[in-house]
């Protein structure tokens, strides 16, 4: 047996561990401790909505999930245990419909195509780029690959009124 899990195995392990945590009532979905599976079993039995066989099956499922998780976790290296502990704290279940899932996937795909940064951070980066590329630049704005990016994103002009480009400037040094 290996003392580590590959990424697919880690994800599968975390799903089962999360289910077990939900059953134990320690998952903080939406910031609220969930009901314990034992409480659920008692409530269902009290309402007459669970047979003895279903009760036993659910109790056995909890017991065997706990045994499986404990056994696999104990044989992992301390390093892999730390990785799983860290990831598990950030791992959560949400029950969503197909429409919502499609929206989430579309948003993720859009973010992979278009970077989103706060405006001030973008301007700071532009200033750094302009310092390297636009300082003393003599290129015509029609041939500059940065011009359109700056223009489309409302980057302020340099204010130097250079004839070749509104973003070009000459560095002023104090003597």
N, C-alpha and C. Protein backbone atom coordinates (compact mmCIF):
# COMPACT_ATOMS: atom_id res chain seq x y z
N UNK A 1 0.83 -1.20 0.00
CA UNK A 1 0.00 0.00 0.00
C UNK A 1 0.87 1.25 0.00
N UNK A 2 0.42 2.26 -0.77
CA UNK A 2 1.13 3.53 -0.80
C UNK A 2 0.78 4.35 0.44
N UNK A 3 1.68 5.27 0.79
CA UNK A 3 1.42 6.16 1.92
C UNK A 3 1.00 7.55 1.44
N UNK A 4 0.47 7.62 0.22
CA UNK A 4 -0.04 8.88 -0.33
C UNK A 4 -1.20 8.57 -1.25
N UNK A 5 -1.96 9.60 -1.59
CA UNK A 5 -3.07 9.48 -2.53
C UNK A 5 -2.80 10.40 -3.71
N UNK A 6 -3.12 9.93 -4.92
CA UNK A 6 -3.00 10.83 -6.06
C UNK A 6 -4.15 11.82 -6.01
N UNK A 7 -4.18 12.79 -6.91
CA UNK A 7 -5.18 13.86 -6.82
C UNK A 7 -6.60 13.33 -6.95
N UNK A 8 -6.83 12.36 -7.81
CA UNK A 8 -8.18 11.81 -7.95
C UNK A 8 -8.59 11.07 -6.68
N UNK A 9 -7.67 10.30 -6.12
CA UNK A 9 -7.96 9.58 -4.88
C UNK A 9 -8.19 10.55 -3.73
N UNK A 10 -7.42 11.64 -3.69
CA UNK A 10 -7.62 12.66 -2.63
C UNK A 10 -9.03 13.25 -2.73
N UNK A 11 -9.45 13.57 -3.95
CA UNK A 11 -10.79 14.12 -4.13
C UNK A 11 -11.86 13.12 -3.69
N UNK A 12 -11.69 11.87 -4.07
CA UNK A 12 -12.66 10.84 -3.67
C UNK A 12 -12.66 10.67 -2.15
N UNK A 13 -11.48 10.67 -1.56
CA UNK A 13 -11.35 10.54 -0.10
C UNK A 13 -12.05 11.72 0.59
N UNK A 14 -11.83 12.93 0.06
CA UNK A 14 -12.43 14.12 0.67
C UNK A 14 -13.96 14.10 0.55
N UNK A 15 -14.48 13.56 -0.55
CA UNK A 15 -15.92 13.46 -0.69
C UNK A 15 -16.47 12.56 0.42
N UNK A 16 -15.86 11.40 0.60
CA UNK A 16 -16.33 10.46 1.62
C UNK A 16 -16.13 11.05 3.02
N UNK A 17 -14.98 11.68 3.26
CA UNK A 17 -14.73 12.30 4.56
C UNK A 17 -15.74 13.41 4.83
N UNK A 18 -16.09 14.18 3.81
CA UNK A 18 -17.07 15.25 3.96
C UNK A 18 -18.45 14.68 4.28
N UNK A 19 -18.80 13.58 3.61
CA UNK A 19 -20.08 12.94 3.89
C UNK A 19 -20.10 12.48 5.35
N UNK A 20 -19.01 11.88 5.80
CA UNK A 20 -18.92 11.44 7.18
C UNK A 20 -19.03 12.63 8.14
N UNK A 21 -18.36 13.73 7.80
CA UNK A 21 -18.47 14.92 8.65
C UNK A 21 -19.91 15.45 8.67
N UNK A 22 -20.59 15.39 7.52
CA UNK A 22 -22.00 15.78 7.51
C UNK A 22 -22.81 14.87 8.42
N UNK A 23 -22.51 13.57 8.37
CA UNK A 23 -23.22 12.62 9.21
C UNK A 23 -22.95 12.86 10.69
N UNK A 24 -21.75 13.34 10.99
CA UNK A 24 -21.39 13.60 12.39
C UNK A 24 -21.83 14.99 12.84
N UNK A 25 -22.32 15.79 11.91
CA UNK A 25 -22.82 17.13 12.24
C UNK A 25 -21.73 18.17 12.38
N UNK A 26 -20.52 17.91 11.86
CA UNK A 26 -19.44 18.88 12.02
C UNK A 26 -19.13 19.69 10.77
N UNK A 27 -19.83 19.47 9.68
CA UNK A 27 -19.63 20.31 8.49
C UNK A 27 -20.32 21.62 8.76
N UNK A 28 -19.67 22.71 8.39
CA UNK A 28 -20.22 24.04 8.65
C UNK A 28 -20.79 24.62 7.36
N UNK A 29 -21.74 23.91 6.78
CA UNK A 29 -22.40 24.44 5.60
C UNK A 29 -23.15 25.71 5.97
N UNK A 30 -22.87 26.75 5.25
CA UNK A 30 -23.48 28.06 5.48
C UNK A 30 -23.23 28.54 6.91
N UNK A 31 -22.14 28.07 7.53
CA UNK A 31 -21.77 28.54 8.85
C UNK A 31 -22.56 27.93 9.99
N UNK A 32 -23.36 26.90 9.71
CA UNK A 32 -24.20 26.29 10.74
C UNK A 32 -23.86 24.81 10.84
N UNK A 33 -23.66 24.33 12.08
CA UNK A 33 -23.44 22.90 12.24
C UNK A 33 -24.68 22.16 11.76
N UNK A 34 -24.45 21.08 11.02
CA UNK A 34 -25.56 20.31 10.49
C UNK A 34 -26.10 19.33 11.50
N UNK A 35 -27.25 18.72 11.21
CA UNK A 35 -27.81 17.72 12.11
C UNK A 35 -26.98 16.43 12.03
N UNK A 36 -26.84 15.77 13.16
CA UNK A 36 -26.12 14.50 13.17
C UNK A 36 -27.01 13.42 12.57
N UNK A 37 -26.39 12.44 11.95
CA UNK A 37 -27.15 11.36 11.33
C UNK A 37 -27.95 10.60 12.39
N UNK A 38 -27.38 10.50 13.61
CA UNK A 38 -28.10 9.84 14.70
C UNK A 38 -29.39 10.56 15.03
N UNK A 39 -29.33 11.89 15.05
CA UNK A 39 -30.52 12.71 15.31
C UNK A 39 -31.53 12.50 14.19
N UNK A 40 -31.05 12.46 12.95
CA UNK A 40 -31.94 12.26 11.81
C UNK A 40 -32.63 10.90 11.93
N UNK A 41 -31.85 9.86 12.27
CA UNK A 41 -32.44 8.52 12.41
C UNK A 41 -33.54 8.53 13.48
N UNK A 42 -33.25 9.17 14.62
CA UNK A 42 -34.23 9.23 15.71
C UNK A 42 -35.50 9.95 15.28
N UNK A 43 -35.31 11.08 14.57
CA UNK A 43 -36.47 11.86 14.12
C UNK A 43 -37.31 11.08 13.12
N UNK A 44 -36.66 10.41 12.20
CA UNK A 44 -37.40 9.64 11.20
C UNK A 44 -38.14 8.48 11.84
N UNK A 45 -37.49 7.81 12.79
CA UNK A 45 -38.14 6.70 13.49
C UNK A 45 -39.34 7.23 14.28
N UNK A 46 -39.18 8.37 14.96
CA UNK A 46 -40.26 8.97 15.74
C UNK A 46 -41.46 9.33 14.86
N UNK A 47 -41.20 9.72 13.63
CA UNK A 47 -42.29 10.05 12.70
C UNK A 47 -42.82 8.83 11.97
N UNK A 48 -42.23 7.68 12.25
CA UNK A 48 -42.68 6.45 11.59
C UNK A 48 -42.28 6.40 10.12
N UNK A 49 -41.16 7.06 9.78
CA UNK A 49 -40.75 7.14 8.38
C UNK A 49 -39.48 6.35 8.11
N UNK A 50 -39.13 5.38 9.01
CA UNK A 50 -37.94 4.57 8.78
C UNK A 50 -38.17 3.20 9.40
N UNK A 51 -37.90 2.19 8.62
CA UNK A 51 -38.03 0.83 9.13
C UNK A 51 -36.79 0.49 9.95
N UNK A 52 -36.89 -0.60 10.73
CA UNK A 52 -35.74 -1.04 11.51
C UNK A 52 -34.59 -1.41 10.58
N UNK A 53 -34.89 -2.01 9.44
CA UNK A 53 -33.86 -2.40 8.48
C UNK A 53 -33.17 -1.17 7.90
N UNK A 54 -33.92 -0.13 7.57
CA UNK A 54 -33.33 1.12 7.06
C UNK A 54 -32.47 1.78 8.13
N UNK A 55 -32.96 1.77 9.37
CA UNK A 55 -32.21 2.33 10.50
C UNK A 55 -30.87 1.62 10.64
N UNK A 56 -30.91 0.29 10.62
CA UNK A 56 -29.69 -0.51 10.74
C UNK A 56 -28.74 -0.24 9.57
N UNK A 57 -29.27 -0.16 8.37
CA UNK A 57 -28.43 0.09 7.19
C UNK A 57 -27.73 1.44 7.28
N UNK A 58 -28.46 2.46 7.71
CA UNK A 58 -27.88 3.80 7.83
C UNK A 58 -26.81 3.83 8.92
N UNK A 59 -27.07 3.15 10.03
CA UNK A 59 -26.10 3.08 11.13
C UNK A 59 -24.85 2.34 10.66
N UNK A 60 -25.02 1.24 9.91
CA UNK A 60 -23.88 0.48 9.39
C UNK A 60 -23.08 1.32 8.39
N UNK A 61 -23.78 2.07 7.55
CA UNK A 61 -23.11 2.92 6.57
C UNK A 61 -22.20 3.91 7.28
N UNK A 62 -22.71 4.53 8.34
CA UNK A 62 -21.91 5.47 9.11
C UNK A 62 -20.69 4.78 9.73
N UNK A 63 -20.91 3.63 10.32
CA UNK A 63 -19.83 2.88 10.97
C UNK A 63 -18.75 2.49 9.97
N UNK A 64 -19.14 1.95 8.82
CA UNK A 64 -18.15 1.50 7.84
C UNK A 64 -17.46 2.66 7.13
N UNK A 65 -18.16 3.77 6.94
CA UNK A 65 -17.49 4.96 6.39
C UNK A 65 -16.42 5.43 7.35
N UNK A 66 -16.75 5.47 8.65
CA UNK A 66 -15.80 5.90 9.67
C UNK A 66 -14.58 4.97 9.68
N UNK A 67 -14.81 3.66 9.61
CA UNK A 67 -13.70 2.68 9.59
C UNK A 67 -12.82 2.88 8.36
N UNK A 68 -13.45 3.06 7.20
CA UNK A 68 -12.69 3.25 5.97
C UNK A 68 -11.83 4.50 6.04
N UNK A 69 -12.43 5.63 6.41
CA UNK A 69 -11.71 6.90 6.48
C UNK A 69 -10.56 6.80 7.47
N UNK A 70 -10.82 6.23 8.62
CA UNK A 70 -9.79 6.11 9.65
C UNK A 70 -8.63 5.22 9.17
N UNK A 71 -8.95 4.11 8.53
CA UNK A 71 -7.92 3.19 8.07
C UNK A 71 -7.04 3.82 6.99
N UNK A 72 -7.66 4.44 6.01
CA UNK A 72 -6.89 5.07 4.93
C UNK A 72 -6.07 6.22 5.48
N UNK A 73 -6.67 7.06 6.29
CA UNK A 73 -5.98 8.23 6.86
C UNK A 73 -4.77 7.79 7.68
N UNK A 74 -4.92 6.76 8.51
CA UNK A 74 -3.84 6.31 9.38
C UNK A 74 -2.64 5.76 8.61
N UNK A 75 -2.86 5.21 7.42
CA UNK A 75 -1.73 4.67 6.66
C UNK A 75 -1.03 5.71 5.79
N UNK A 76 -1.59 6.92 5.72
CA UNK A 76 -0.97 7.97 4.93
C UNK A 76 0.21 8.58 5.68
N UNK A 77 1.13 9.13 4.91
CA UNK A 77 2.28 9.80 5.52
C UNK A 77 1.79 11.06 6.23
N UNK A 78 2.52 11.52 7.25
CA UNK A 78 2.12 12.76 7.94
C UNK A 78 1.98 13.95 6.97
N UNK A 79 2.83 13.98 5.95
CA UNK A 79 2.77 15.07 4.97
C UNK A 79 1.45 15.03 4.21
N UNK A 80 1.06 13.83 3.75
CA UNK A 80 -0.20 13.71 3.01
C UNK A 80 -1.40 13.96 3.94
N UNK A 81 -1.29 13.56 5.20
CA UNK A 81 -2.36 13.83 6.16
C UNK A 81 -2.57 15.34 6.32
N UNK A 82 -1.47 16.09 6.40
CA UNK A 82 -1.57 17.55 6.53
C UNK A 82 -2.24 18.17 5.31
N UNK A 83 -1.85 17.67 4.13
CA UNK A 83 -2.45 18.19 2.89
C UNK A 83 -3.95 17.94 2.89
N UNK A 84 -4.34 16.73 3.25
CA UNK A 84 -5.77 16.39 3.27
C UNK A 84 -6.50 17.22 4.32
N UNK A 85 -5.92 17.36 5.51
CA UNK A 85 -6.56 18.16 6.56
C UNK A 85 -6.79 19.59 6.08
N UNK A 86 -5.78 20.15 5.43
CA UNK A 86 -5.88 21.53 4.94
C UNK A 86 -6.95 21.66 3.86
N UNK A 87 -6.94 20.72 2.90
CA UNK A 87 -7.92 20.77 1.81
C UNK A 87 -9.33 20.51 2.32
N UNK A 88 -9.45 19.59 3.26
CA UNK A 88 -10.76 19.22 3.77
C UNK A 88 -11.44 20.40 4.46
N UNK A 89 -10.66 21.26 5.09
CA UNK A 89 -11.23 22.43 5.75
C UNK A 89 -11.83 23.40 4.73
N UNK A 90 -11.35 23.36 3.50
CA UNK A 90 -11.84 24.27 2.46
C UNK A 90 -12.81 23.58 1.51
N UNK A 91 -13.09 22.33 1.74
CA UNK A 91 -13.92 21.52 0.87
C UNK A 91 -15.34 21.54 1.41
N UNK A 92 -16.31 21.74 0.54
CA UNK A 92 -17.68 21.79 1.01
C UNK A 92 -18.62 21.24 -0.05
N UNK A 93 -19.76 20.78 0.39
CA UNK A 93 -20.80 20.31 -0.50
C UNK A 93 -21.88 21.36 -0.64
N UNK A 94 -22.35 21.52 -1.84
CA UNK A 94 -23.51 22.35 -2.09
C UNK A 94 -24.39 21.59 -3.07
N UNK A 95 -25.65 21.52 -2.77
CA UNK A 95 -26.60 20.86 -3.65
C UNK A 95 -27.16 21.94 -4.57
N UNK A 96 -26.86 21.82 -5.87
CA UNK A 96 -27.30 22.84 -6.82
C UNK A 96 -27.93 22.17 -8.03
N UNK A 97 -28.79 22.89 -8.69
CA UNK A 97 -29.45 22.36 -9.89
C UNK A 97 -28.55 22.55 -11.11
N UNK A 98 -28.91 21.93 -12.22
CA UNK A 98 -28.11 22.00 -13.44
C UNK A 98 -27.92 23.43 -13.94
N UNK A 99 -28.97 24.25 -13.85
CA UNK A 99 -28.89 25.63 -14.34
C UNK A 99 -27.82 26.39 -13.57
N UNK A 100 -27.82 26.27 -12.25
CA UNK A 100 -26.83 26.96 -11.43
C UNK A 100 -25.43 26.45 -11.72
N UNK A 101 -25.29 25.15 -11.90
CA UNK A 101 -23.99 24.57 -12.22
C UNK A 101 -23.47 25.10 -13.56
N UNK A 102 -24.35 25.23 -14.54
CA UNK A 102 -23.95 25.79 -15.83
C UNK A 102 -23.49 27.23 -15.68
N UNK A 103 -24.18 28.01 -14.84
CA UNK A 103 -23.76 29.40 -14.59
C UNK A 103 -22.37 29.44 -13.96
N UNK A 104 -22.14 28.59 -12.99
CA UNK A 104 -20.84 28.55 -12.30
C UNK A 104 -19.75 28.17 -13.30
N UNK A 105 -20.01 27.14 -14.09
CA UNK A 105 -19.02 26.71 -15.08
C UNK A 105 -18.75 27.80 -16.11
N UNK A 106 -19.78 28.54 -16.51
CA UNK A 106 -19.61 29.64 -17.46
C UNK A 106 -18.77 30.76 -16.83
N UNK A 107 -19.03 31.07 -15.56
CA UNK A 107 -18.24 32.10 -14.87
C UNK A 107 -16.77 31.70 -14.77
N UNK A 108 -16.53 30.44 -14.45
CA UNK A 108 -15.15 29.96 -14.35
C UNK A 108 -14.48 30.03 -15.72
N UNK A 109 -15.18 29.61 -16.75
CA UNK A 109 -14.61 29.66 -18.11
C UNK A 109 -14.30 31.10 -18.51
N UNK A 110 -15.20 32.03 -18.17
CA UNK A 110 -14.96 33.45 -18.47
C UNK A 110 -13.73 33.97 -17.74
N UNK A 111 -13.56 33.57 -16.49
CA UNK A 111 -12.40 34.03 -15.73
C UNK A 111 -11.10 33.43 -16.26
N UNK A 112 -11.18 32.29 -16.91
CA UNK A 112 -9.99 31.70 -17.51
C UNK A 112 -9.61 32.46 -18.79
N UNK A 113 -10.59 33.12 -19.41
CA UNK A 113 -10.34 33.90 -20.61
C UNK A 113 -10.00 35.35 -20.26
N UNK A 114 -10.74 35.93 -19.33
CA UNK A 114 -10.57 37.34 -18.97
C UNK A 114 -10.15 37.46 -17.51
N UNK A 115 -9.01 38.06 -17.29
CA UNK A 115 -8.54 38.29 -15.93
C UNK A 115 -9.33 39.45 -15.33
N UNK A 116 -9.64 39.34 -14.06
CA UNK A 116 -10.36 40.39 -13.36
C UNK A 116 -9.48 40.84 -12.20
N UNK A 117 -9.12 42.12 -12.21
CA UNK A 117 -8.30 42.68 -11.13
C UNK A 117 -8.92 44.00 -10.70
N UNK A 118 -8.71 44.40 -9.46
CA UNK A 118 -9.23 45.70 -9.04
C UNK A 118 -8.62 46.82 -9.89
N UNK A 119 -9.41 47.84 -10.16
CA UNK A 119 -9.01 48.92 -11.06
C UNK A 119 -7.70 49.57 -10.62
N UNK A 120 -7.53 49.86 -9.34
CA UNK A 120 -6.29 50.51 -8.89
C UNK A 120 -5.08 49.61 -9.12
N UNK A 121 -5.24 48.33 -8.87
CA UNK A 121 -4.14 47.39 -9.13
C UNK A 121 -3.81 47.37 -10.62
N UNK A 122 -4.82 47.40 -11.48
CA UNK A 122 -4.61 47.44 -12.92
C UNK A 122 -3.86 48.71 -13.31
N UNK A 123 -4.27 49.85 -12.76
CA UNK A 123 -3.58 51.11 -13.07
C UNK A 123 -2.13 51.08 -12.60
N UNK A 124 -1.89 50.49 -11.44
CA UNK A 124 -0.51 50.36 -10.94
C UNK A 124 0.34 49.54 -11.90
N UNK A 125 -0.23 48.44 -12.38
CA UNK A 125 0.50 47.60 -13.35
C UNK A 125 0.74 48.37 -14.64
N UNK A 126 -0.27 49.11 -15.08
CA UNK A 126 -0.12 49.90 -16.30
C UNK A 126 1.00 50.93 -16.14
N UNK A 127 1.06 51.56 -14.97
CA UNK A 127 2.13 52.54 -14.72
C UNK A 127 3.50 51.87 -14.81
N UNK A 128 3.61 50.65 -14.26
CA UNK A 128 4.87 49.91 -14.35
C UNK A 128 5.21 49.58 -15.80
N UNK A 129 4.22 49.15 -16.55
CA UNK A 129 4.43 48.81 -17.97
C UNK A 129 4.79 50.07 -18.75
N UNK A 130 4.09 51.17 -18.49
CA UNK A 130 4.36 52.42 -19.19
C UNK A 130 5.78 52.92 -18.89
N UNK A 131 6.23 52.70 -17.68
CA UNK A 131 7.59 53.13 -17.32
C UNK A 131 8.63 52.41 -18.18
N UNK A 132 8.36 51.15 -18.49
CA UNK A 132 9.30 50.38 -19.30
C UNK A 132 9.07 50.62 -20.79
N UNK A 133 7.83 50.61 -21.24
CA UNK A 133 7.52 50.64 -22.67
C UNK A 133 7.26 52.04 -23.24
N UNK A 134 6.65 52.92 -22.47
CA UNK A 134 6.23 54.21 -23.02
C UNK A 134 7.20 55.35 -22.72
N UNK A 135 8.09 55.16 -21.78
CA UNK A 135 9.07 56.17 -21.41
C UNK A 135 10.07 56.34 -22.57
N UNK A 136 10.01 57.49 -23.22
CA UNK A 136 10.90 57.77 -24.34
C UNK A 136 10.52 57.06 -25.62
N UNK A 137 9.32 56.51 -25.68
CA UNK A 137 8.88 55.76 -26.87
C UNK A 137 8.66 56.70 -28.05
N UNK A 138 9.13 56.28 -29.21
CA UNK A 138 8.96 57.07 -30.44
C UNK A 138 8.08 56.34 -31.45
N UNK A 139 7.56 55.16 -31.06
CA UNK A 139 6.72 54.37 -31.95
C UNK A 139 5.41 55.09 -32.24
N UNK A 140 4.88 54.87 -33.44
CA UNK A 140 3.57 55.41 -33.80
C UNK A 140 2.50 54.61 -33.07
N UNK A 141 1.49 55.28 -32.55
CA UNK A 141 0.45 54.62 -31.78
C UNK A 141 -0.27 53.53 -32.57
N UNK A 142 -0.30 53.65 -33.90
CA UNK A 142 -0.97 52.65 -34.76
C UNK A 142 -0.26 51.30 -34.74
N UNK A 143 1.01 51.29 -34.40
CA UNK A 143 1.77 50.03 -34.40
C UNK A 143 2.00 49.49 -32.99
N UNK A 144 1.48 50.16 -31.98
CA UNK A 144 1.72 49.76 -30.59
C UNK A 144 0.65 48.79 -30.12
N UNK A 145 1.08 47.65 -29.61
CA UNK A 145 0.13 46.65 -29.11
C UNK A 145 -0.49 47.06 -27.77
N UNK A 146 0.16 47.94 -27.03
CA UNK A 146 -0.37 48.39 -25.74
C UNK A 146 -1.44 49.47 -25.89
N UNK A 147 -1.36 50.26 -26.97
CA UNK A 147 -2.25 51.39 -27.13
C UNK A 147 -3.72 50.97 -27.00
N UNK A 148 -4.11 49.94 -27.71
CA UNK A 148 -5.50 49.51 -27.71
C UNK A 148 -5.92 48.99 -26.32
N UNK A 149 -5.03 48.29 -25.65
CA UNK A 149 -5.33 47.80 -24.30
C UNK A 149 -5.56 48.98 -23.36
N UNK A 150 -4.66 49.96 -23.41
CA UNK A 150 -4.81 51.14 -22.56
C UNK A 150 -6.10 51.89 -22.89
N UNK A 151 -6.35 52.07 -24.17
CA UNK A 151 -7.52 52.80 -24.63
C UNK A 151 -8.82 52.08 -24.20
N UNK A 152 -8.89 50.78 -24.43
CA UNK A 152 -10.09 50.01 -24.11
C UNK A 152 -10.36 49.94 -22.60
N UNK A 153 -9.32 50.14 -21.80
CA UNK A 153 -9.47 50.00 -20.36
C UNK A 153 -9.37 51.33 -19.61
N UNK A 154 -9.53 52.43 -20.34
CA UNK A 154 -9.60 53.77 -19.74
C UNK A 154 -8.38 54.15 -18.92
N UNK A 155 -7.20 53.76 -19.41
CA UNK A 155 -5.97 54.15 -18.73
C UNK A 155 -5.74 55.63 -19.03
N UNK A 156 -5.46 56.43 -18.01
CA UNK A 156 -5.27 57.87 -18.24
C UNK A 156 -4.06 58.14 -19.16
N UNK A 157 -4.20 59.19 -19.98
CA UNK A 157 -3.12 59.60 -20.88
C UNK A 157 -1.94 60.11 -20.07
N UNK A 158 -0.77 60.12 -20.69
CA UNK A 158 0.43 60.57 -19.99
C UNK A 158 0.39 62.08 -19.72
N UNK A 159 -0.27 62.84 -20.59
CA UNK A 159 -0.33 64.29 -20.43
C UNK A 159 0.86 65.02 -21.02
N UNK A 160 1.74 64.34 -21.70
CA UNK A 160 2.93 64.96 -22.28
C UNK A 160 2.69 65.46 -23.70
N UNK A 161 1.55 65.12 -24.28
CA UNK A 161 1.21 65.54 -25.64
C UNK A 161 2.28 65.18 -26.66
N UNK A 162 2.82 63.98 -26.55
CA UNK A 162 3.79 63.52 -27.56
C UNK A 162 3.03 63.31 -28.86
N UNK A 163 3.64 63.65 -29.96
CA UNK A 163 2.98 63.58 -31.26
C UNK A 163 2.72 62.14 -31.70
N UNK A 164 3.54 61.19 -31.26
CA UNK A 164 3.39 59.81 -31.72
C UNK A 164 2.30 59.03 -30.98
N UNK A 165 2.04 59.37 -29.69
CA UNK A 165 1.08 58.58 -28.91
C UNK A 165 0.71 59.34 -27.64
N UNK A 166 -0.57 59.24 -27.23
CA UNK A 166 -1.00 59.96 -26.04
C UNK A 166 -0.53 59.31 -24.74
N UNK A 167 0.02 58.10 -24.83
CA UNK A 167 0.54 57.43 -23.63
C UNK A 167 2.07 57.56 -23.51
N UNK A 168 2.72 57.99 -24.58
CA UNK A 168 4.18 58.15 -24.56
C UNK A 168 4.53 59.35 -23.70
N UNK A 169 5.75 59.31 -23.13
CA UNK A 169 6.23 60.44 -22.34
C UNK A 169 7.75 60.42 -22.27
N UNK A 170 8.28 61.54 -21.86
CA UNK A 170 9.70 61.66 -21.64
C UNK A 170 9.93 61.76 -20.15
N UNK A 171 10.81 60.94 -19.65
CA UNK A 171 11.11 60.93 -18.23
C UNK A 171 11.81 62.24 -17.84
N UNK A 172 11.29 62.90 -16.85
CA UNK A 172 11.90 64.14 -16.37
C UNK A 172 12.77 63.80 -15.18
N UNK A 173 14.03 64.15 -15.28
CA UNK A 173 14.93 63.87 -14.17
C UNK A 173 15.35 65.18 -13.53
N UNK A 174 15.52 65.16 -12.23
CA UNK A 174 15.97 66.35 -11.51
C UNK A 174 17.48 66.36 -11.53
N UNK A 175 18.04 67.51 -11.80
CA UNK A 175 19.51 67.64 -11.83
C UNK A 175 20.01 68.49 -10.71
